[in-house]
Amino acid sequence: MKKADFIQAIAEKTGLSKKDTAATVEAALEVIEEALVNGKSVSFIGFGTFTTSERAARSARVPGTDKVVEVPATKAAKFKVGKKLKEAVAASK
């Protein structure tokens, strides 16, 4: 599902206009992004939690040449699926 499909589905469920729904979705995504940038997590009980994690600097070997390169430390966004969502997806086989 793409963002436009997501917005359309929410608009249909809520009865809001697509324009209002799009603005709400954009605002929600911005709030999540701002929280993660500031080192905070965002939790939706039953759905999941957005967090950040630090990846330490490391050495890596380039395939084919066996040359060793240094990979710098990075900060990455993560999402941990909540129990209710995990169970719903597992039951949908």
C-alpha atoms as a PDB file:
ATOM      1  CA  MET A   1       0.000   0.000   0.000  1.00  0.00           C
ATOM      2  CA  LYS A   2       1.369   3.377  -0.995  1.00  0.00           C
ATOM      3  CA  LYS A   3       0.899   6.608   0.923  1.00  0.00           C
ATOM      4  CA  ALA A   4      -1.905   7.784  -1.394  1.00  0.00           C
ATOM      5  CA  ASP A   5      -3.743   4.467  -0.882  1.00  0.00           C
ATOM      6  CA  PHE A   6      -3.254   4.787   2.871  1.00  0.00           C
ATOM      7  CA  ILE A   7      -4.709   8.311   2.858  1.00  0.00           C
ATOM      8  CA  GLN A   8      -7.665   7.168   0.729  1.00  0.00           C
ATOM      9  CA  ALA A   9      -8.415   4.264   3.091  1.00  0.00           C
ATOM     10  CA  ILE A  10      -8.345   6.516   6.150  1.00  0.00           C
ATOM     11  CA  ALA A  11     -10.544   9.109   4.428  1.00  0.00           C
ATOM     12  CA  GLU A  12     -13.114   6.414   3.631  1.00  0.00           C
ATOM     13  CA  LYS A  13     -13.114   5.041   7.205  1.00  0.00           C
ATOM     14  CA  THR A  14     -13.366   8.442   8.884  1.00  0.00           C
ATOM     15  CA  GLY A  15     -15.525  10.360   6.429  1.00  0.00           C
ATOM     16  CA  LEU A  16     -12.931  13.145   6.304  1.00  0.00           C
ATOM     17  CA  SER A  17     -11.902  14.731   3.028  1.00  0.00           C
ATOM     18  CA  LYS A  18      -8.766  13.412   1.351  1.00  0.00           C
ATOM     19  CA  LYS A  19      -7.202  16.853   1.820  1.00  0.00           C
ATOM     20  CA  ASP A  20      -7.813  16.859   5.595  1.00  0.00           C
ATOM     21  CA  THR A  21      -6.702  13.249   5.886  1.00  0.00           C
ATOM     22  CA  ALA A  22      -3.499  13.932   3.933  1.00  0.00           C
ATOM     23  CA  ALA A  23      -2.702  16.881   6.212  1.00  0.00           C
ATOM     24  CA  THR A  24      -3.298  14.714   9.293  1.00  0.00           C
ATOM     25  CA  VAL A  25      -1.118  11.872   7.997  1.00  0.00           C
ATOM     26  CA  GLU A  26       1.674  14.324   7.103  1.00  0.00           C
ATOM     27  CA  ALA A  27       1.472  15.895  10.566  1.00  0.00           C
ATOM     28  CA  ALA A  28       1.621  12.474  12.247  1.00  0.00           C
ATOM     29  CA  LEU A  29       4.658  11.450  10.213  1.00  0.00           C
ATOM     30  CA  GLU A  30       6.390  14.745  11.020  1.00  0.00           C
ATOM     31  CA  VAL A  31       5.755  14.276  14.749  1.00  0.00           C
ATOM     32  CA  ILE A  32       7.194  10.744  14.623  1.00  0.00           C
ATOM     33  CA  GLU A  33      10.235  11.974  12.680  1.00  0.00           C
ATOM     34  CA  GLU A  34      10.854  14.872  15.097  1.00  0.00           C
ATOM     35  CA  ALA A  35      10.633  12.539  18.089  1.00  0.00           C
ATOM     36  CA  LEU A  36      13.131  10.095  16.579  1.00  0.00           C
ATOM     37  CA  VAL A  37      15.530  12.885  15.579  1.00  0.00           C
ATOM     38  CA  ASN A  38      15.413  14.093  19.205  1.00  0.00           C
ATOM     39  CA  GLY A  39      16.187  10.604  20.535  1.00  0.00           C
ATOM     40  CA  LYS A  40      12.676   9.839  21.786  1.00  0.00           C
ATOM     41  CA  SER A  41      10.588   6.772  21.023  1.00  0.00           C
ATOM     42  CA  VAL A  42       6.981   6.738  19.798  1.00  0.00           C
ATOM     43  CA  SER A  43       4.740   3.909  21.037  1.00  0.00           C
ATOM     44  CA  PHE A  44       1.304   2.806  19.906  1.00  0.00           C
ATOM     45  CA  ILE A  45       0.168   0.082  22.320  1.00  0.00           C
ATOM     46  CA  GLY A  46      -0.739  -3.055  20.380  1.00  0.00           C
ATOM     47  CA  PHE A  47       0.677  -1.673  17.130  1.00  0.00           C
ATOM     48  CA  GLY A  48       4.364  -1.095  17.773  1.00  0.00           C
ATOM     49  CA  THR A  49       7.156   1.248  18.795  1.00  0.00           C
ATOM     50  CA  PHE A  50       9.400   3.479  16.712  1.00  0.00           C
ATOM     51  CA  THR A  51      12.873   3.919  18.237  1.00  0.00           C
ATOM     52  CA  THR A  52      16.418   4.725  17.219  1.00  0.00           C
ATOM     53  CA  SER A  53      19.521   2.631  17.677  1.00  0.00           C
ATOM     54  CA  GLU A  54      23.208   3.388  17.505  1.00  0.00           C
ATOM     55  CA  ARG A  55      25.323   1.235  15.227  1.00  0.00           C
ATOM     56  CA  ALA A  56      28.957   1.173  16.274  1.00  0.00           C
ATOM     57  CA  ALA A  57      31.799   1.821  13.851  1.00  0.00           C
ATOM     58  CA  ARG A  58      33.212  -1.393  12.423  1.00  0.00           C
ATOM     59  CA  SER A  59      35.545  -2.879   9.856  1.00  0.00           C
ATOM     60  CA  ALA A  60      34.096  -4.638   6.829  1.00  0.00           C
ATOM     61  CA  ARG A  61      35.621  -6.693   4.056  1.00  0.00           C
ATOM     62  CA  VAL A  62      34.811  -5.828   0.421  1.00  0.00           C
ATOM     63  CA  PRO A  63      33.667  -8.981  -1.431  1.00  0.00           C
ATOM     64  CA  GLY A  64      35.924  -9.994  -4.287  1.00  0.00           C
ATOM     65  CA  THR A  65      38.889  -7.856  -3.274  1.00  0.00           C
ATOM     66  CA  ASP A  66      39.119  -8.741   0.433  1.00  0.00           C
ATOM     67  CA  LYS A  67      40.015  -5.100   1.057  1.00  0.00           C
ATOM     68  CA  VAL A  68      39.158  -3.977   4.601  1.00  0.00           C
ATOM     69  CA  VAL A  69      37.221  -0.712   4.889  1.00  0.00           C
ATOM     70  CA  GLU A  70      36.054   1.222   7.927  1.00  0.00           C
ATOM     71  CA  VAL A  71      32.293   1.700   8.255  1.00  0.00           C
ATOM     72  CA  PRO A  72      31.483   4.748  10.425  1.00  0.00           C
ATOM     73  CA  ALA A  73      29.060   4.709  13.354  1.00  0.00           C
ATOM     74  CA  THR A  74      25.482   5.521  12.386  1.00  0.00           C
ATOM     75  CA  LYS A  75      22.115   6.151  13.988  1.00  0.00           C
ATOM     76  CA  ALA A  76      19.181   4.208  12.535  1.00  0.00           C
ATOM     77  CA  ALA A  77      15.403   4.218  12.934  1.00  0.00           C
ATOM     78  CA  LYS A  78      13.814   0.960  14.084  1.00  0.00           C
ATOM     79  CA  PHE A  79      10.275  -0.355  14.457  1.00  0.00           C
ATOM     80  CA  LYS A  80       9.310  -3.118  16.864  1.00  0.00           C
ATOM     81  CA  VAL A  81       5.961  -4.726  16.088  1.00  0.00           C
ATOM     82  CA  GLY A  82       3.441  -4.813  18.928  1.00  0.00           C
ATOM     83  CA  LYS A  83       1.860  -8.023  20.186  1.00  0.00           C
ATOM     84  CA  LYS A  84      -1.662  -7.338  18.848  1.00  0.00           C
ATOM     85  CA  LEU A  85      -0.419  -6.499  15.329  1.00  0.00           C
ATOM     86  CA  LYS A  86       1.969  -9.448  15.331  1.00  0.00           C
ATOM     87  CA  GLU A  87      -0.849 -11.828  16.282  1.00  0.00           C
ATOM     88  CA  ALA A  88      -3.247 -10.325  13.712  1.00  0.00           C
ATOM     89  CA  VAL A  89      -0.733 -10.777  10.899  1.00  0.00           C
ATOM     90  CA  ALA A  90       0.132 -14.316  12.011  1.00  0.00           C
ATOM     91  CA  ALA A  91      -3.561 -15.261  12.109  1.00  0.00           C
ATOM     92  CA  SER A  92      -4.200 -13.956   8.580  1.00  0.00           C
ATOM     93  CA  LYS A  93      -2.592 -16.930   6.815  1.00  0.00           C
END
